[in-house]
């Protein structure tokens, strides 16, 4: 038997991803989602600096992680667009008695 050896580059899975894990689109959505939350928390929370940082991180880490991972392999905006499209085009199926063939 003849075996052929192929060279697989180290970064073959890194294309279009940050750190080889997160898609660039998800990272951009994460930044766009987390920056307003960060500024709102820092501006509106009536706490001193340390509790303000703790509350802000308690909110930002889950939101940022959720946005980085996405839903079912899709980014949040892509999933939201598909969900809105599904909601707009869904229909009810009614059984009207018998089937005519």
PDB file of N, CA and C in Angstrom:
ATOM      1  N   UNK A   1       0.832  -1.180   0.000  1.00  0.00           N
ATOM      2  CA  UNK A   1       0.000   0.000   0.000  1.00  0.00           C
ATOM      3  C   UNK A   1       0.876   1.242   0.000  1.00  0.00           C
ATOM      4  N   UNK A   2       0.418   2.230  -0.702  1.00  0.00           N
ATOM      5  CA  UNK A   2       1.169   3.477  -0.778  1.00  0.00           C
ATOM      6  C   UNK A   2       0.439   4.550   0.020  1.00  0.00           C
ATOM      7  N   UNK A   3       1.127   5.106   0.981  1.00  0.00           N
ATOM      8  CA  UNK A   3       0.547   6.172   1.790  1.00  0.00           C
ATOM      9  C   UNK A   3       1.134   7.505   1.367  1.00  0.00           C
ATOM     10  N   UNK A   4       0.272   8.487   1.262  1.00  0.00           N
ATOM     11  CA  UNK A   4       0.741   9.827   0.941  1.00  0.00           C
ATOM     12  C   UNK A   4       0.673  10.678   2.192  1.00  0.00           C
ATOM     13  N   UNK A   5       1.681  11.461   2.413  1.00  0.00           N
ATOM     14  CA  UNK A   5       1.737  12.323   3.586  1.00  0.00           C
ATOM     15  C   UNK A   5       1.389  13.738   3.165  1.00  0.00           C
ATOM     16  N   UNK A   6       0.432  14.316   3.870  1.00  0.00           N
ATOM     17  CA  UNK A   6       0.016  15.684   3.600  1.00  0.00           C
ATOM     18  C   UNK A   6       0.394  16.560   4.781  1.00  0.00           C
ATOM     19  N   UNK A   7       0.862  17.727   4.476  1.00  0.00           N
ATOM     20  CA  UNK A   7       1.213  18.681   5.527  1.00  0.00           C
ATOM     21  C   UNK A   7      -0.009  19.540   5.842  1.00  0.00           C
ATOM     22  N   UNK A   8      -0.486  19.475   7.085  1.00  0.00           N
ATOM     23  CA  UNK A   8      -1.611  20.295   7.525  1.00  0.00           C
ATOM     24  C   UNK A   8      -1.042  21.443   8.340  1.00  0.00           C
ATOM     25  N   UNK A   9      -1.264  22.673   7.908  1.00  0.00           N
ATOM     26  CA  UNK A   9      -0.699  23.805   8.653  1.00  0.00           C
ATOM     27  C   UNK A   9      -1.284  23.897  10.060  1.00  0.00           C
ATOM     28  N   UNK A  10      -0.517  24.473  10.948  1.00  0.00           N
ATOM     29  CA  UNK A  10      -0.917  24.582  12.347  1.00  0.00           C
ATOM     30  C   UNK A  10      -2.171  25.430  12.493  1.00  0.00           C
ATOM     31  N   UNK A  11      -2.318  26.449  11.679  1.00  0.00           N
ATOM     32  CA  UNK A  11      -3.427  27.388  11.833  1.00  0.00           C
ATOM     33  C   UNK A  11      -4.584  27.112  10.867  1.00  0.00           C
ATOM     34  N   UNK A  12      -4.807  25.879  10.470  1.00  0.00           N
ATOM     35  CA  UNK A  12      -5.868  25.623   9.496  1.00  0.00           C
ATOM     36  C   UNK A  12      -7.258  25.868  10.070  1.00  0.00           C
ATOM     37  N   UNK A  13      -7.422  25.797  11.382  1.00  0.00           N
ATOM     38  CA  UNK A  13      -8.730  26.072  11.975  1.00  0.00           C
ATOM     39  C   UNK A  13      -8.862  27.509  12.449  1.00  0.00           C
ATOM     40  N   UNK A  14      -7.797  28.284  12.350  1.00  0.00           N
ATOM     41  CA  UNK A  14      -7.804  29.646  12.871  1.00  0.00           C
ATOM     42  C   UNK A  14      -8.351  30.670  11.891  1.00  0.00           C
ATOM     43  N   UNK A  15      -8.677  30.277  10.687  1.00  0.00           N
ATOM     44  CA  UNK A  15      -9.090  31.242   9.680  1.00  0.00           C
ATOM     45  C   UNK A  15     -10.395  31.916  10.085  1.00  0.00           C
ATOM     46  N   UNK A  16     -10.387  33.233  10.160  1.00  0.00           N
ATOM     47  CA  UNK A  16     -11.585  33.993  10.479  1.00  0.00           C
ATOM     48  C   UNK A  16     -11.984  33.941  11.930  1.00  0.00           C
ATOM     49  N   UNK A  17     -11.056  33.597  12.811  1.00  0.00           N
ATOM     50  CA  UNK A  17     -11.387  33.500  14.230  1.00  0.00           C
ATOM     51  C   UNK A  17     -10.333  34.218  15.061  1.00  0.00           C
ATOM     52  N   UNK A  18     -10.758  34.685  16.215  1.00  0.00           N
ATOM     53  CA  UNK A  18      -9.834  35.295  17.167  1.00  0.00           C
ATOM     54  C   UNK A  18      -9.360  34.225  18.137  1.00  0.00           C
ATOM     55  N   UNK A  19      -8.068  34.113  18.305  1.00  0.00           N
ATOM     56  CA  UNK A  19      -7.447  33.107  19.170  1.00  0.00           C
ATOM     57  C   UNK A  19      -7.816  31.692  18.752  1.00  0.00           C
ATOM     58  N   UNK A  20      -8.282  31.521  17.514  1.00  0.00           N
ATOM     59  CA  UNK A  20      -8.665  30.211  17.024  1.00  0.00           C
ATOM     60  C   UNK A  20      -9.973  29.698  17.583  1.00  0.00           C
ATOM     61  N   UNK A  21     -10.696  30.517  18.349  1.00  0.00           N
ATOM     62  CA  UNK A  21     -11.901  30.043  19.027  1.00  0.00           C
ATOM     63  C   UNK A  21     -13.130  30.864  18.660  1.00  0.00           C
ATOM     64  N   UNK A  22     -13.026  32.192  18.755  1.00  0.00           N
ATOM     65  CA  UNK A  22     -14.193  33.059  18.607  1.00  0.00           C
ATOM     66  C   UNK A  22     -14.236  33.675  17.216  1.00  0.00           C
ATOM     67  N   UNK A  23     -15.426  33.640  16.616  1.00  0.00           N
ATOM     68  CA  UNK A  23     -15.585  34.280  15.313  1.00  0.00           C
ATOM     69  C   UNK A  23     -15.462  35.792  15.462  1.00  0.00           C
ATOM     70  N   UNK A  24     -14.975  36.439  14.422  1.00  0.00           N
ATOM     71  CA  UNK A  24     -14.774  37.887  14.468  1.00  0.00           C
ATOM     72  C   UNK A  24     -16.112  38.601  14.618  1.00  0.00           C
ATOM     73  N   UNK A  25     -17.136  38.103  13.953  1.00  0.00           N
ATOM     74  CA  UNK A  25     -18.465  38.721  14.053  1.00  0.00           C
ATOM     75  C   UNK A  25     -18.975  38.671  15.490  1.00  0.00           C
ATOM     76  N   UNK A  26     -18.782  37.545  16.160  1.00  0.00           N
ATOM     77  CA  UNK A  26     -19.216  37.432  17.549  1.00  0.00           C
ATOM     78  C   UNK A  26     -18.434  38.379  18.446  1.00  0.00           C
ATOM     79  N   UNK A  27     -17.143  38.548  18.175  1.00  0.00           N
ATOM     80  CA  UNK A  27     -16.329  39.453  18.989  1.00  0.00           C
ATOM     81  C   UNK A  27     -16.777  40.902  18.809  1.00  0.00           C
ATOM     82  N   UNK A  28     -17.097  41.283  17.589  1.00  0.00           N
ATOM     83  CA  UNK A  28     -17.571  42.649  17.339  1.00  0.00           C
ATOM     84  C   UNK A  28     -18.915  42.870  18.022  1.00  0.00           C
ATOM     85  N   UNK A  29     -19.810  41.898  17.924  1.00  0.00           N
ATOM     86  CA  UNK A  29     -21.100  42.022  18.609  1.00  0.00           C
ATOM     87  C   UNK A  29     -20.921  42.098  20.122  1.00  0.00           C
ATOM     88  N   UNK A  30     -19.963  41.362  20.655  1.00  0.00           N
ATOM     89  CA  UNK A  30     -19.699  41.397  22.092  1.00  0.00           C
ATOM     90  C   UNK A  30     -19.248  42.778  22.524  1.00  0.00           C
ATOM     91  N   UNK A  31     -18.339  43.368  21.769  1.00  0.00           N
ATOM     92  CA  UNK A  31     -17.860  44.715  22.104  1.00  0.00           C
ATOM     93  C   UNK A  31     -19.005  45.719  22.013  1.00  0.00           C
ATOM     94  N   UNK A  32     -19.804  45.632  20.947  1.00  0.00           N
ATOM     95  CA  UNK A  32     -20.916  46.570  20.776  1.00  0.00           C
ATOM     96  C   UNK A  32     -21.999  46.386  21.834  1.00  0.00           C
ATOM     97  N   UNK A  33     -22.111  45.205  22.388  1.00  0.00           N
ATOM     98  CA  UNK A  33     -23.098  44.943  23.430  1.00  0.00           C
ATOM     99  C   UNK A  33     -22.580  45.314  24.817  1.00  0.00           C
ATOM    100  N   UNK A  34     -21.295  45.097  25.057  1.00  0.00           N
ATOM    101  CA  UNK A  34     -20.744  45.287  26.407  1.00  0.00           C
ATOM    102  C   UNK A  34     -20.342  46.728  26.716  1.00  0.00           C
ATOM    103  N   UNK A  35     -19.906  47.485  25.735  1.00  0.00           N
ATOM    104  CA  UNK A  35     -19.468  48.864  26.014  1.00  0.00           C
ATOM    105  C   UNK A  35     -20.607  49.733  26.541  1.00  0.00           C
ATOM    106  N   UNK A  36     -21.803  49.723  25.943  1.00  0.00           N
ATOM    107  CA  UNK A  36     -22.887  50.524  26.543  1.00  0.00           C
ATOM    108  C   UNK A  36     -23.271  50.054  27.944  1.00  0.00           C
ATOM    109  N   UNK A  37     -23.271  48.747  28.163  1.00  0.00           N
ATOM    110  CA  UNK A  37     -23.583  48.235  29.499  1.00  0.00           C
ATOM    111  C   UNK A  37     -22.534  48.697  30.497  1.00  0.00           C
ATOM    112  N   UNK A  38     -21.280  48.673  30.100  1.00  0.00           N
ATOM    113  CA  UNK A  38     -20.194  49.125  30.972  1.00  0.00           C
ATOM    114  C   UNK A  38     -20.367  50.583  31.358  1.00  0.00           C
ATOM    115  N   UNK A  39     -20.609  51.440  30.387  1.00  0.00           N
ATOM    116  CA  UNK A  39     -20.757  52.866  30.686  1.00  0.00           C
ATOM    117  C   UNK A  39     -22.015  53.148  31.504  1.00  0.00           C
ATOM    118  N   UNK A  40     -23.101  52.444  31.226  1.00  0.00           N
ATOM    119  CA  UNK A  40     -24.318  52.627  32.023  1.00  0.00           C
ATOM    120  C   UNK A  40     -24.102  52.205  33.477  1.00  0.00           C
ATOM    121  N   UNK A  41     -23.447  51.084  33.670  1.00  0.00           N
ATOM    122  CA  UNK A  41     -23.194  50.621  35.043  1.00  0.00           C
ATOM    123  C   UNK A  41     -22.284  51.588  35.785  1.00  0.00           C
ATOM    124  N   UNK A  42     -21.231  52.036  35.138  1.00  0.00           N
ATOM    125  CA  UNK A  42     -20.296  52.934  35.816  1.00  0.00           C
ATOM    126  C   UNK A  42     -20.913  54.302  36.080  1.00  0.00           C
ATOM    127  N   UNK A  43     -21.802  54.743  35.209  1.00  0.00           N
ATOM    128  CA  UNK A  43     -22.382  56.074  35.373  1.00  0.00           C
ATOM    129  C   UNK A  43     -23.582  56.090  36.316  1.00  0.00           C
ATOM    130  N   UNK A  44     -24.379  55.037  36.316  1.00  0.00           N
ATOM    131  CA  UNK A  44     -25.652  55.090  37.028  1.00  0.00           C
ATOM    132  C   UNK A  44     -25.679  54.387  38.383  1.00  0.00           C
ATOM    133  N   UNK A  45     -24.735  53.512  38.657  1.00  0.00           N
ATOM    134  CA  UNK A  45     -24.761  52.815  39.943  1.00  0.00           C
ATOM    135  C   UNK A  45     -24.306  53.747  41.066  1.00  0.00           C
ATOM    136  N   UNK A  46     -25.116  53.890  42.102  1.00  0.00           N
ATOM    137  CA  UNK A  46     -24.755  54.804  43.199  1.00  0.00           C
ATOM    138  C   UNK A  46     -23.898  54.101  44.254  1.00  0.00           C
ATOM    139  N   UNK A  47     -22.798  53.502  43.836  1.00  0.00           N
ATOM    140  CA  UNK A  47     -21.916  52.776  44.743  1.00  0.00           C
ATOM    141  C   UNK A  47     -20.509  53.355  44.670  1.00  0.00           C
ATOM    142  N   UNK A  48     -19.675  52.951  45.615  1.00  0.00           N
ATOM    143  CA  UNK A  48     -18.266  53.341  45.531  1.00  0.00           C
ATOM    144  C   UNK A  48     -17.597  52.502  44.449  1.00  0.00           C
ATOM    145  N   UNK A  49     -16.323  52.743  44.226  1.00  0.00           N
ATOM    146  CA  UNK A  49     -15.649  52.150  43.072  1.00  0.00           C
ATOM    147  C   UNK A  49     -15.605  50.622  43.113  1.00  0.00           C
ATOM    148  N   UNK A  50     -15.213  50.033  44.224  1.00  0.00           N
ATOM    149  CA  UNK A  50     -15.053  48.579  44.269  1.00  0.00           C
ATOM    150  C   UNK A  50     -16.380  47.830  44.084  1.00  0.00           C
ATOM    151  N   UNK A  51     -17.452  48.167  44.793  1.00  0.00           N
ATOM    152  CA  UNK A  51     -18.729  47.482  44.513  1.00  0.00           C
ATOM    153  C   UNK A  51     -19.241  47.745  43.096  1.00  0.00           C
ATOM    154  N   UNK A  52     -18.964  48.926  42.574  1.00  0.00           N
ATOM    155  CA  UNK A  52     -19.378  49.251  41.207  1.00  0.00           C
ATOM    156  C   UNK A  52     -18.681  48.326  40.205  1.00  0.00           C
ATOM    157  N   UNK A  53     -17.395  48.077  40.424  1.00  0.00           N
ATOM    158  CA  UNK A  53     -16.643  47.178  39.543  1.00  0.00           C
ATOM    159  C   UNK A  53     -17.171  45.752  39.663  1.00  0.00           C
ATOM    160  N   UNK A  54     -17.464  45.323  40.877  1.00  0.00           N
ATOM    161  CA  UNK A  54     -17.960  43.959  41.088  1.00  0.00           C
ATOM    162  C   UNK A  54     -19.315  43.762  40.415  1.00  0.00           C
ATOM    163  N   UNK A  55     -20.226  44.701  40.591  1.00  0.00           N
ATOM    164  CA  UNK A  55     -21.554  44.591  39.966  1.00  0.00           C
ATOM    165  C   UNK A  55     -21.433  44.641  38.445  1.00  0.00           C
ATOM    166  N   UNK A  56     -20.589  45.522  37.947  1.00  0.00           N
ATOM    167  CA  UNK A  56     -20.406  45.641  36.502  1.00  0.00           C
ATOM    168  C   UNK A  56     -19.849  44.351  35.912  1.00  0.00           C
ATOM    169  N   UNK A  57     -18.854  43.763  36.552  1.00  0.00           N
ATOM    170  CA  UNK A  57     -18.287  42.505  36.056  1.00  0.00           C
ATOM    171  C   UNK A  57     -19.286  41.352  36.174  1.00  0.00           C
ATOM    172  N   UNK A  58     -20.110  41.389  37.222  1.00  0.00           N
ATOM    173  CA  UNK A  58     -21.134  40.356  37.382  1.00  0.00           C
ATOM    174  C   UNK A  58     -22.134  40.405  36.231  1.00  0.00           C
ATOM    175  N   UNK A  59     -22.373  41.572  35.703  1.00  0.00           N
ATOM    176  CA  UNK A  59     -23.287  41.716  34.565  1.00  0.00           C
ATOM    177  C   UNK A  59     -22.562  41.469  33.245  1.00  0.00           C
ATOM    178  N   UNK A  60     -21.352  42.019  33.100  1.00  0.00           N
ATOM    179  CA  UNK A  60     -20.658  41.974  31.816  1.00  0.00           C
ATOM    180  C   UNK A  60     -20.121  40.598  31.440  1.00  0.00           C
ATOM    181  N   UNK A  61     -19.620  39.847  32.402  1.00  0.00           N
ATOM    182  CA  UNK A  61     -19.014  38.553  32.062  1.00  0.00           C
ATOM    183  C   UNK A  61     -20.036  37.584  31.454  1.00  0.00           C
ATOM    184  N   UNK A  62     -21.219  37.388  32.047  1.00  0.00           N
ATOM    185  CA  UNK A  62     -22.185  36.495  31.379  1.00  0.00           C
ATOM    186  C   UNK A  62     -22.690  37.036  30.040  1.00  0.00           C
ATOM    187  N   UNK A  63     -22.941  38.335  29.970  1.00  0.00           N
ATOM    188  CA  UNK A  63     -23.421  38.923  28.710  1.00  0.00           C
ATOM    189  C   UNK A  63     -22.356  38.780  27.628  1.00  0.00           C
ATOM    190  N   UNK A  64     -21.111  39.096  27.969  1.00  0.00           N
ATOM    191  CA  UNK A  64     -20.026  38.976  27.001  1.00  0.00           C
ATOM    192  C   UNK A  64     -19.769  37.539  26.588  1.00  0.00           C
ATOM    193  N   UNK A  65     -19.810  36.626  27.540  1.00  0.00           N
ATOM    194  CA  UNK A  65     -19.616  35.215  27.209  1.00  0.00           C
ATOM    195  C   UNK A  65     -20.720  34.683  26.321  1.00  0.00           C
ATOM    196  N   UNK A  66     -21.952  35.058  26.624  1.00  0.00           N
ATOM    197  CA  UNK A  66     -23.089  34.643  25.809  1.00  0.00           C
ATOM    198  C   UNK A  66     -22.966  35.201  24.394  1.00  0.00           C
ATOM    199  N   UNK A  67     -22.541  36.456  24.277  1.00  0.00           N
ATOM    200  CA  UNK A  67     -22.402  37.066  22.957  1.00  0.00           C
ATOM    201  C   UNK A  67     -21.233  36.458  22.186  1.00  0.00           C
ATOM    202  N   UNK A  68     -20.144  36.099  22.875  1.00  0.00           N
ATOM    203  CA  UNK A  68     -19.010  35.478  22.191  1.00  0.00           C
ATOM    204  C   UNK A  68     -19.360  34.090  21.662  1.00  0.00           C
ATOM    205  N   UNK A  69     -20.084  33.325  22.440  1.00  0.00           N
ATOM    206  CA  UNK A  69     -20.410  31.959  22.041  1.00  0.00           C
ATOM    207  C   UNK A  69     -21.523  31.944  21.001  1.00  0.00           C
ATOM    208  N   UNK A  70     -22.534  32.790  21.180  1.00  0.00           N
ATOM    209  CA  UNK A  70     -23.658  32.811  20.254  1.00  0.00           C
ATOM    210  C   UNK A  70     -24.684  31.747  20.604  1.00  0.00           C
ATOM    211  N   UNK A  71     -25.625  31.536  19.710  1.00  0.00           N
ATOM    212  CA  UNK A  71     -26.692  30.556  19.927  1.00  0.00           C
ATOM    213  C   UNK A  71     -26.647  29.542  18.789  1.00  0.00           C
ATOM    214  N   UNK A  72     -26.398  28.310  19.120  1.00  0.00           N
ATOM    215  CA  UNK A  72     -26.403  27.249  18.117  1.00  0.00           C
ATOM    216  C   UNK A  72     -25.387  27.449  17.011  1.00  0.00           C
ATOM    217  N   UNK A  73     -24.263  28.056  17.305  1.00  0.00           N
ATOM    218  CA  UNK A  73     -23.242  28.290  16.297  1.00  0.00           C
ATOM    219  C   UNK A  73     -23.431  29.571  15.501  1.00  0.00           C
ATOM    220  N   UNK A  74     -24.506  30.269  15.709  1.00  0.00           N
ATOM    221  CA  UNK A  74     -24.751  31.537  15.022  1.00  0.00           C
ATOM    222  C   UNK A  74     -24.433  32.696  15.949  1.00  0.00           C
ATOM    223  N   UNK A  75     -24.166  33.848  15.354  1.00  0.00           N
ATOM    224  CA  UNK A  75     -24.010  35.053  16.161  1.00  0.00           C
ATOM    225  C   UNK A  75     -25.391  35.503  16.628  1.00  0.00           C
ATOM    226  N   UNK A  76     -25.414  36.411  17.589  1.00  0.00           N
ATOM    227  CA  UNK A  76     -26.698  36.851  18.140  1.00  0.00           C
ATOM    228  C   UNK A  76     -27.560  37.553  17.097  1.00  0.00           C
ATOM    229  N   UNK A  77     -26.957  38.415  16.273  1.00  0.00           N
ATOM    230  CA  UNK A  77     -27.766  39.121  15.273  1.00  0.00           C
ATOM    231  C   UNK A  77     -28.272  38.175  14.189  1.00  0.00           C
ATOM    232  N   UNK A  78     -27.451  37.216  13.805  1.00  0.00           N
ATOM    233  CA  UNK A  78     -27.885  36.242  12.800  1.00  0.00           C
ATOM    234  C   UNK A  78     -29.032  35.398  13.351  1.00  0.00           C
ATOM    235  N   UNK A  79     -28.912  34.968  14.609  1.00  0.00           N
ATOM    236  CA  UNK A  79     -29.976  34.184  15.233  1.00  0.00           C
ATOM    237  C   UNK A  79     -31.243  35.021  15.394  1.00  0.00           C
ATOM    238  N   UNK A  80     -31.084  36.284  15.807  1.00  0.00           N
ATOM    239  CA  UNK A  80     -32.240  37.158  15.993  1.00  0.00           C
ATOM    240  C   UNK A  80     -32.967  37.390  14.674  1.00  0.00           C
ATOM    241  N   UNK A  81     -32.216  37.558  13.594  1.00  0.00           N
ATOM    242  CA  UNK A  81     -32.832  37.736  12.281  1.00  0.00           C
ATOM    243  C   UNK A  81     -33.603  36.481  11.868  1.00  0.00           C
ATOM    244  N   UNK A  82     -33.031  35.302  12.095  1.00  0.00           N
ATOM    245  CA  UNK A  82     -33.719  34.054  11.758  1.00  0.00           C
ATOM    246  C   UNK A  82     -34.960  33.869  12.623  1.00  0.00           C
ATOM    247  N   UNK A  83     -34.876  34.233  13.902  1.00  0.00           N
ATOM    248  CA  UNK A  83     -36.022  34.091  14.796  1.00  0.00           C
ATOM    249  C   UNK A  83     -37.153  35.036  14.395  1.00  0.00           C
ATOM    250  N   UNK A  84     -36.818  36.290  14.061  1.00  0.00           N
ATOM    251  CA  UNK A  84     -37.835  37.254  13.621  1.00  0.00           C
ATOM    252  C   UNK A  84     -38.477  36.780  12.323  1.00  0.00           C
ATOM    253  N   UNK A  85     -37.666  36.260  11.405  1.00  0.00           N
ATOM    254  CA  UNK A  85     -38.200  35.740  10.145  1.00  0.00           C
ATOM    255  C   UNK A  85     -39.135  34.560  10.409  1.00  0.00           C
ATOM    256  N   UNK A  86     -38.762  33.678  11.334  1.00  0.00           N
ATOM    257  CA  UNK A  86     -39.625  32.550  11.681  1.00  0.00           C
ATOM    258  C   UNK A  86     -40.929  33.036  12.304  1.00  0.00           C
ATOM    259  N   UNK A  87     -40.864  34.009  13.217  1.00  0.00           N
ATOM    260  CA  UNK A  87     -42.070  34.529  13.863  1.00  0.00           C
ATOM    261  C   UNK A  87     -43.008  35.180  12.847  1.00  0.00           C
ATOM    262  N   UNK A  88     -42.418  35.850  11.866  1.00  0.00           N
ATOM    263  CA  UNK A  88     -43.226  36.553  10.878  1.00  0.00           C
ATOM    264  C   UNK A  88     -43.930  35.582   9.922  1.00  0.00           C
ATOM    265  N   UNK A  89     -43.304  34.463   9.618  1.00  0.00           N
ATOM    266  CA  UNK A  89     -43.838  33.558   8.606  1.00  0.00           C
ATOM    267  C   UNK A  89     -44.453  32.281   9.161  1.00  0.00           C
ATOM    268  N   UNK A  90     -44.571  32.154  10.452  1.00  0.00           N
ATOM    269  CA  UNK A  90     -45.166  30.926  10.991  1.00  0.00           C
ATOM    270  C   UNK A  90     -46.670  30.917  10.751  1.00  0.00           C
ATOM    271  N   UNK A  91     -47.208  29.739  10.660  1.00  0.00           N
ATOM    272  CA  UNK A  91     -48.634  29.578  10.391  1.00  0.00           C
ATOM    273  C   UNK A  91     -49.211  28.526  11.331  1.00  0.00           C
ATOM    274  N   UNK A  92     -50.520  28.583  11.513  1.00  0.00           N
ATOM    275  CA  UNK A  92     -51.220  27.574  12.298  1.00  0.00           C
ATOM    276  C   UNK A  92     -51.787  26.540  11.326  1.00  0.00           C
ATOM    277  N   UNK A  93     -51.698  25.277  11.706  1.00  0.00           N
ATOM    278  CA  UNK A  93     -52.267  24.203  10.898  1.00  0.00           C
ATOM    279  C   UNK A  93     -53.511  23.702  11.615  1.00  0.00           C
ATOM    280  N   UNK A  94     -54.621  23.695  10.907  1.00  0.00           N
ATOM    281  CA  UNK A  94     -55.883  23.251  11.483  1.00  0.00           C
ATOM    282  C   UNK A  94     -56.324  21.959  10.807  1.00  0.00           C
ATOM    283  N   UNK A  95     -56.823  21.038  11.585  1.00  0.00           N
ATOM    284  CA  UNK A  95     -57.393  19.803  11.053  1.00  0.00           C
ATOM    285  C   UNK A  95     -58.870  20.050  10.802  1.00  0.00           C
ATOM    286  N   UNK A  96     -59.310  19.843   9.575  1.00  0.00           N
ATOM    287  CA  UNK A  96     -60.682  20.181   9.209  1.00  0.00           C
ATOM    288  C   UNK A  96     -61.567  18.947   8.998  1.00  0.00           C
ATOM    289  N   UNK A  97     -61.244  17.875   9.596  1.00  0.00           N
ATOM    290  CA  UNK A  97     -62.122  16.714   9.473  1.00  0.00           C
ATOM    291  C   UNK A  97     -61.456  15.562   8.766  1.00  0.00           C
ATOM    292  N   UNK A  98     -61.697  15.430   7.463  1.00  0.00           N
ATOM    293  CA  UNK A  98     -61.169  14.290   6.732  1.00  0.00           C
ATOM    294  C   UNK A  98     -60.238  14.762   5.621  1.00  0.00           C
ATOM    295  N   UNK A  99     -59.419  13.843   5.171  1.00  0.00           N
ATOM    296  CA  UNK A  99     -58.459  14.142   4.120  1.00  0.00           C
ATOM    297  C   UNK A  99     -59.036  13.661   2.799  1.00  0.00           C
ATOM    298  N   UNK A 100     -59.100  14.526   1.783  1.00  0.00           N
ATOM    299  CA  UNK A 100     -59.603  14.168   0.452  1.00  0.00           C
ATOM    300  C   UNK A 100     -58.412  13.928  -0.457  1.00  0.00           C
ATOM    301  N   UNK A 101     -58.333  12.712  -0.993  1.00  0.00           N
ATOM    302  CA  UNK A 101     -57.226  12.395  -1.905  1.00  0.00           C
ATOM    303  C   UNK A 101     -57.678  12.369  -3.325  1.00  0.00           C
TER     304      UNK A 101
END
